[in-house]
Amino acid sequence: MSPQLSVRSAHPTDAGQLVPLFADLSHPATAMQVRNRLERLAGDPTYELWVVEDATGELIGFAAGHLLFPVEDDAPAAQLIALVTAGRARGRGVGTALCTMFEQWAMAKGAGRAQLNSGNRRTEAHTFYTSRGYTASGTRFTKPL
């Protein structure tokens, strides 16, 4: 990652700048929706949110992690629940920096494994995660409620 980029925890005040990143993640939201979500998660120690800022203070990456306590394991697991890099910033180490922050946080929280879900059409993301040592281990099923 370039020295002109920095990773930090996300704050509710970042909401406006996160709107285009949420759209890039295929989860469009208004600034108020993003702010409300960040505020809701801010006090929960099982969540952590990160952003990458460029030298001008513009947010060009976002990631979120969640600590899970699976019934099938003694150690917690950490799930990367979101990771997105602005299209113009891809290939500059933003995703790698966010993934590294997530993995370091997960280890510090005692997680025994890291996991994530990635949409079937996101083949570039699959290549990225595979290059970081992640392996496909199943199929996710969803149902709207």
Protein backbone atom coordinates (compact mmCIF):
# COMPACT_ATOMS: atom_id res chain seq x y z
CA MET A 1 0.00 0.00 0.00
CA SER A 2 1.23 3.45 -0.87
CA PRO A 3 2.50 5.63 2.01
CA GLN A 4 -0.10 8.21 0.95
CA LEU A 5 -2.84 5.79 2.04
CA SER A 6 -3.87 5.09 5.61
CA VAL A 7 -6.17 2.54 7.26
CA ARG A 8 -8.26 3.53 10.26
CA SER A 9 -11.44 2.57 12.05
CA ALA A 10 -14.61 3.76 10.35
CA HIS A 11 -16.79 6.36 12.09
CA PRO A 12 -20.44 7.34 11.59
CA THR A 13 -19.21 10.67 10.22
CA ASP A 14 -17.76 8.72 7.24
CA ALA A 15 -21.25 7.77 6.06
CA GLY A 16 -21.47 10.24 3.17
CA GLN A 17 -18.18 9.08 1.68
CA LEU A 18 -19.13 5.43 2.11
CA VAL A 19 -22.27 5.68 -0.05
CA PRO A 20 -20.42 5.12 -3.37
CA LEU A 21 -18.42 2.25 -1.86
CA PHE A 22 -21.61 0.54 -0.66
CA ALA A 23 -22.98 0.92 -4.21
CA ASP A 24 -19.77 -0.67 -5.58
CA LEU A 25 -20.38 -3.52 -3.14
CA SER A 26 -23.86 -3.98 -4.71
CA HIS A 27 -25.55 -2.78 -1.51
CA PRO A 28 -26.74 0.75 -2.31
CA ALA A 29 -27.69 2.83 0.70
CA THR A 30 -28.28 6.45 1.62
CA ALA A 31 -25.90 8.36 3.83
CA MET A 32 -28.47 8.21 6.65
CA GLN A 33 -28.79 4.43 6.32
CA VAL A 34 -25.01 3.98 6.38
CA ARG A 35 -24.68 6.34 9.37
CA ASN A 36 -27.40 4.46 11.29
CA ARG A 37 -25.68 1.13 10.59
CA LEU A 38 -22.29 2.42 11.70
CA GLU A 39 -23.80 3.90 14.87
CA ARG A 40 -25.61 0.63 15.63
CA LEU A 41 -22.39 -1.39 15.34
CA ALA A 42 -20.08 1.13 17.04
CA GLY A 43 -20.75 -0.12 20.56
CA ASP A 44 -20.65 -3.84 19.74
CA PRO A 45 -17.24 -5.39 20.54
CA THR A 46 -17.90 -8.28 18.13
CA TYR A 47 -17.76 -5.88 15.14
CA GLU A 48 -15.00 -3.78 13.67
CA LEU A 49 -15.11 -1.49 10.65
CA TRP A 50 -12.19 -0.02 8.70
CA VAL A 51 -11.68 2.51 5.93
CA VAL A 52 -8.73 3.42 3.73
CA GLU A 53 -8.11 7.12 3.12
CA ASP A 54 -6.00 8.54 0.34
CA ALA A 55 -3.73 11.57 0.75
CA THR A 56 -6.67 13.94 0.15
CA GLY A 57 -8.80 12.31 2.86
CA GLU A 58 -11.08 10.58 0.35
CA LEU A 59 -12.27 7.11 1.37
CA ILE A 60 -11.27 4.53 -1.23
CA GLY A 61 -11.84 1.30 0.70
CA PHE A 62 -14.08 -0.19 3.37
CA ALA A 63 -14.17 -3.47 5.28
CA ALA A 64 -16.16 -4.90 8.16
CA GLY A 65 -15.49 -7.89 10.38
CA HIS A 66 -17.68 -9.76 12.83
CA LEU A 67 -16.67 -12.20 15.54
CA LEU A 68 -18.81 -15.36 15.67
CA PHE A 69 -19.05 -18.02 18.35
CA PRO A 70 -19.79 -21.24 16.44
CA VAL A 71 -21.31 -24.17 18.26
CA GLU A 72 -19.00 -26.58 16.42
CA ASP A 73 -15.73 -24.99 17.64
CA ASP A 74 -14.21 -23.94 20.93
CA ALA A 75 -12.54 -20.86 19.44
CA PRO A 76 -14.44 -17.97 17.91
CA ALA A 77 -14.38 -17.45 14.14
CA ALA A 78 -14.10 -14.12 12.40
CA GLN A 79 -16.19 -13.31 9.37
CA LEU A 80 -15.21 -10.68 6.85
CA ILE A 81 -18.70 -9.35 6.16
CA ALA A 82 -17.72 -6.63 3.68
CA LEU A 83 -14.67 -5.57 1.70
CA VAL A 84 -14.72 -3.09 -1.16
CA THR A 85 -12.17 -0.95 -2.96
CA ALA A 86 -13.17 2.00 -5.16
CA GLY A 87 -12.81 1.00 -8.80
CA ARG A 88 -10.17 3.64 -9.54
CA ALA A 89 -8.06 2.47 -6.57
CA ARG A 90 -7.95 -1.25 -7.33
CA GLY A 91 -4.51 -2.77 -7.67
CA ARG A 92 -2.95 -0.28 -5.22
CA GLY A 93 -2.96 -2.53 -2.14
CA VAL A 94 -6.17 -1.19 -0.59
CA GLY A 95 -7.91 -4.58 -0.41
CA THR A 96 -4.77 -6.24 0.88
CA ALA A 97 -4.40 -3.62 3.63
CA LEU A 98 -8.03 -4.05 4.69
CA CYS A 99 -7.79 -7.84 4.65
CA THR A 100 -4.61 -7.67 6.74
CA MET A 101 -6.31 -5.39 9.29
CA PHE A 102 -9.25 -7.80 9.48
CA GLU A 103 -6.96 -10.83 9.98
CA GLN A 104 -4.89 -9.06 12.65
CA TRP A 105 -8.08 -8.02 14.48
CA ALA A 106 -9.40 -11.58 14.23
CA MET A 107 -6.23 -13.07 15.70
CA ALA A 108 -6.19 -10.47 18.49
CA LYS A 109 -9.77 -11.51 19.33
CA GLY A 110 -8.72 -15.17 19.54
CA ALA A 111 -10.36 -16.32 16.33
CA GLY A 112 -9.37 -19.78 15.19
CA ARG A 113 -10.35 -19.15 11.58
CA ALA A 114 -11.38 -16.42 9.19
CA GLN A 115 -14.26 -16.86 6.78
CA LEU A 116 -16.21 -14.84 4.24
CA ASN A 117 -18.96 -15.06 1.66
CA SER A 118 -18.46 -13.83 -1.88
CA GLY A 119 -21.06 -13.63 -4.63
CA ASN A 120 -20.82 -16.16 -7.46
CA ARG A 121 -20.27 -13.43 -10.07
CA ARG A 122 -17.38 -11.77 -8.24
CA THR A 123 -14.64 -13.82 -9.87
CA GLU A 124 -12.00 -11.11 -9.39
CA ALA A 125 -12.75 -11.13 -5.67
CA HIS A 126 -12.45 -14.92 -5.62
CA THR A 127 -9.00 -14.67 -7.20
CA PHE A 128 -8.01 -12.04 -4.61
CA TYR A 129 -9.16 -14.17 -1.66
CA THR A 130 -7.55 -17.33 -3.06
CA SER A 131 -4.25 -15.47 -3.40
CA ARG A 132 -4.51 -14.63 0.32
CA GLY A 133 -4.90 -18.30 1.31
CA TYR A 134 -8.70 -18.56 1.52
CA THR A 135 -10.33 -21.66 0.05
CA ALA A 136 -13.88 -22.24 -1.12
CA SER A 137 -15.54 -24.53 1.39
CA GLY A 138 -19.26 -24.58 0.65
CA THR A 139 -22.27 -22.90 -0.83
CA ARG A 140 -24.24 -20.16 0.87
CA PHE A 141 -28.02 -20.33 0.81
CA THR A 142 -30.18 -17.31 1.56
CA LYS A 143 -33.88 -16.68 1.96
CA PRO A 144 -35.55 -13.32 2.40
CA LEU A 145 -37.69 -13.11 5.52
